Amino acid sequence: MFPRYDLLAKLERQWARETPIDRQANLRQLDDLVALAVALGVWPPQDPFDDMEHKSAIQRTLNLARRDEGRREKTG
């Protein structure tokens, strides 16, 4: 998709390091997402434990990806 993925990844890491965290903006985005979910009728969930195994698998995958990325940055 992006011919120079390594360059894009480097620029994203640099931008993330140099950009301060705006907690208020993050909270506004969260509030907007909750409002959208309520408007769509998917929040609050009928059964909070529904599809828990799928969510756990996604979380394990994300954690492994983050761990692998950290190793690559230290060695690369």
Protein backbone atom coordinates (compact mmCIF):
# COMPACT_ATOMS: atom_id res chain seq x y z
CA MET A 1 0.00 0.00 0.00
CA PHE A 2 2.69 2.49 1.01
CA PRO A 3 5.92 1.89 -0.93
CA ARG A 4 8.17 3.15 1.89
CA TYR A 5 6.51 1.67 4.95
CA ASP A 6 9.74 1.94 6.96
CA LEU A 7 9.88 5.70 6.32
CA LEU A 8 6.21 6.14 7.23
CA ALA A 9 6.66 4.15 10.46
CA LYS A 10 9.70 6.26 11.37
CA LEU A 11 7.81 9.51 10.75
CA GLU A 12 4.84 8.28 12.82
CA ARG A 13 7.12 7.36 15.77
CA GLN A 14 8.85 10.74 15.56
CA TRP A 15 5.50 12.57 15.42
CA ALA A 16 4.21 10.59 18.42
CA ARG A 17 7.32 11.45 20.45
CA GLU A 18 7.20 15.16 19.61
CA THR A 19 3.44 15.71 19.92
CA PRO A 20 2.25 16.33 23.48
CA ILE A 21 -0.69 14.29 24.73
CA ASP A 22 -3.90 16.32 24.78
CA ARG A 23 -5.95 14.52 27.42
CA GLN A 24 -8.92 16.87 27.05
CA ALA A 25 -9.12 16.17 23.31
CA ASN A 26 -8.90 12.43 24.00
CA LEU A 27 -11.77 12.67 26.49
CA ARG A 28 -13.86 14.68 24.01
CA GLN A 29 -13.28 11.99 21.38
CA LEU A 30 -14.29 9.29 23.87
CA ASP A 31 -17.47 11.21 24.74
CA ASP A 32 -18.27 11.57 21.04
CA LEU A 33 -17.74 7.84 20.46
CA VAL A 34 -20.02 6.96 23.39
CA ALA A 35 -22.69 9.35 22.09
CA LEU A 36 -22.44 7.75 18.64
CA ALA A 37 -22.71 4.24 20.13
CA VAL A 38 -25.79 5.28 22.11
CA ALA A 39 -27.35 6.84 19.00
CA LEU A 40 -26.71 3.62 17.05
CA GLY A 41 -28.26 1.57 19.85
CA VAL A 42 -25.16 -0.52 20.57
CA TRP A 43 -24.32 1.02 23.94
CA PRO A 44 -24.73 -0.07 26.66
CA PRO A 45 -24.30 -3.67 25.55
CA GLN A 46 -27.08 -6.17 26.27
CA ASP A 47 -24.59 -8.69 27.65
CA PRO A 48 -21.20 -7.21 28.61
CA PHE A 49 -19.55 -10.66 28.46
CA ASP A 50 -20.85 -11.38 24.99
CA ASP A 51 -17.96 -12.05 22.59
CA MET A 52 -15.42 -11.84 25.43
CA GLU A 53 -13.23 -14.57 23.90
CA HIS A 54 -12.97 -12.64 20.64
CA LYS A 55 -12.05 -9.42 22.47
CA SER A 56 -9.43 -11.28 24.51
CA ALA A 57 -7.89 -12.70 21.35
CA ILE A 58 -7.68 -9.22 19.81
CA GLN A 59 -6.07 -7.86 22.99
CA ARG A 60 -3.49 -10.66 23.06
CA THR A 61 -2.66 -9.97 19.40
CA LEU A 62 -2.25 -6.24 20.05
CA ASN A 63 -0.05 -6.87 23.08
CA LEU A 64 2.17 -9.24 21.12
CA ALA A 65 2.46 -6.74 18.27
CA ARG A 66 3.47 -3.97 20.69
CA ARG A 67 6.02 -6.23 22.36
CA ASP A 68 7.50 -7.23 18.98
CA GLU A 69 7.62 -3.59 17.84
CA GLY A 70 9.53 -2.62 20.97
CA ARG A 71 12.08 -5.34 20.30
CA ARG A 72 12.55 -4.20 16.73
CA GLU A 73 13.14 -0.61 17.81
CA LYS A 74 15.78 -1.65 20.34
CA THR A 75 17.63 -3.89 17.90
CA GLY A 76 17.04 -1.81 14.75
